[in-house]
Amino acid sequence: MSLQGFLLLAAALFSLGLYGLLTRRNAVGILASVELMANAVNLNLVAFGRWHGVVDGQVFALFNTALTVAEAAIGLALVILLYRSRQDVLVDTATEMKG
């Protein structure tokens, strides 16, 4: 597969993630969309690293994956707290949680 194919696949993944991010009201769906967007970025990093013939892209993708896992853990903790206080995980109810 050529570099252009990888970039088109990553653009499609990122677009699907962005669409899900903008249209979902459920916090778990929003987190899944953010994960999809992060995977598209990782695909771009690895594709450009392969195209240049260096492993830097894979190293950055591995670091980005570690950051994404930490973000997912914090996000899921917030979703659990939201569910415990409001008994649902809709993002609209989270705006009422001030103070």
Protein backbone atom coordinates (compact mmCIF):
# COMPACT_ATOMS: atom_id res chain seq x y z
CA MET A 1 0.00 0.00 0.00
CA SER A 2 1.35 3.43 -0.89
CA LEU A 3 1.65 6.48 1.33
CA GLN A 4 -1.39 8.00 -0.35
CA GLY A 5 -3.52 4.97 0.57
CA PHE A 6 -2.49 5.20 4.22
CA LEU A 7 -3.22 8.93 4.29
CA LEU A 8 -6.64 8.42 2.73
CA LEU A 9 -7.46 5.70 5.27
CA ALA A 10 -6.31 7.94 8.13
CA ALA A 11 -8.37 10.84 6.77
CA ALA A 12 -11.45 8.61 6.60
CA LEU A 13 -10.89 7.40 10.18
CA PHE A 14 -10.37 10.93 11.43
CA SER A 15 -13.48 12.14 9.61
CA LEU A 16 -15.59 9.35 11.11
CA GLY A 17 -14.24 10.20 14.55
CA LEU A 18 -14.96 13.90 14.07
CA TYR A 19 -18.49 13.12 12.90
CA GLY A 20 -19.05 10.95 15.95
CA LEU A 21 -17.62 13.62 18.22
CA LEU A 22 -19.96 16.28 16.87
CA THR A 23 -23.13 14.17 16.74
CA ARG A 24 -22.99 11.98 19.87
CA ARG A 25 -24.65 12.98 23.13
CA ASN A 26 -23.47 9.92 25.02
CA ALA A 27 -20.14 10.40 26.83
CA VAL A 28 -18.95 6.87 26.03
CA GLY A 29 -19.62 7.44 22.31
CA ILE A 30 -17.68 10.70 22.46
CA LEU A 31 -14.71 8.93 24.09
CA ALA A 32 -14.81 6.23 21.39
CA SER A 33 -14.81 8.94 18.70
CA VAL A 34 -11.77 10.61 20.27
CA GLU A 35 -10.01 7.24 20.32
CA LEU A 36 -10.78 6.77 16.63
CA MET A 37 -9.29 10.17 15.86
CA ALA A 38 -6.16 9.34 17.87
CA ASN A 39 -5.76 6.09 15.94
CA ALA A 40 -5.91 8.05 12.69
CA VAL A 41 -3.09 10.25 13.95
CA ASN A 42 -1.08 7.15 14.89
CA LEU A 43 -1.60 5.74 11.41
CA ASN A 44 -0.28 8.98 9.91
CA LEU A 45 2.79 8.92 12.18
CA VAL A 46 3.66 5.35 11.25
CA ALA A 47 2.99 5.93 7.53
CA PHE A 48 5.25 8.99 7.38
CA GLY A 49 7.93 7.21 9.40
CA ARG A 50 7.84 4.30 6.98
CA TRP A 51 7.93 6.66 4.01
CA HIS A 52 11.03 8.41 5.35
CA GLY A 53 12.64 5.11 6.32
CA VAL A 54 13.02 5.89 10.03
CA VAL A 55 11.42 4.43 13.14
CA ASP A 56 10.66 7.83 14.67
CA GLY A 57 7.03 7.63 13.54
CA GLN A 58 6.55 4.34 15.37
CA VAL A 59 8.14 5.75 18.52
CA PHE A 60 5.86 8.79 18.43
CA ALA A 61 2.85 6.56 17.76
CA LEU A 62 3.74 4.41 20.78
CA PHE A 63 4.06 7.51 22.97
CA ASN A 64 0.77 8.83 21.60
CA THR A 65 -0.89 5.49 22.38
CA ALA A 66 0.31 5.73 25.99
CA LEU A 67 -1.14 9.23 26.25
CA THR A 68 -4.41 8.08 24.70
CA VAL A 69 -4.71 5.23 27.20
CA ALA A 70 -4.21 7.68 30.08
CA GLU A 71 -6.82 10.00 28.55
CA ALA A 72 -9.26 7.13 28.22
CA ALA A 73 -8.76 6.10 31.86
CA ILE A 74 -9.43 9.64 33.08
CA GLY A 75 -12.38 10.01 30.71
CA LEU A 76 -13.97 6.75 31.85
CA ALA A 77 -13.49 7.79 35.50
CA LEU A 78 -15.35 11.01 34.73
CA VAL A 79 -18.12 9.05 32.98
CA ILE A 80 -18.48 6.81 36.05
CA LEU A 81 -18.71 9.87 38.30
CA LEU A 82 -21.30 11.39 35.97
CA TYR A 83 -23.34 8.19 36.04
CA ARG A 84 -23.19 7.95 39.81
CA SER A 85 -24.45 11.49 40.28
CA ARG A 86 -27.04 11.73 37.45
CA GLN A 87 -27.89 8.09 36.61
CA ASP A 88 -27.15 8.64 32.90
CA VAL A 89 -24.12 9.49 30.76
CA LEU A 90 -25.53 12.19 28.51
CA VAL A 91 -23.19 15.13 28.05
CA ASP A 92 -26.08 17.60 28.38
CA THR A 93 -26.44 16.74 32.06
CA ALA A 94 -22.74 17.30 32.67
CA THR A 95 -23.09 21.02 31.99
CA GLU A 96 -25.31 21.27 35.05
CA MET A 97 -22.57 19.95 37.32
CA LYS A 98 -20.96 23.20 38.45
CA GLY A 99 -19.62 24.03 41.88
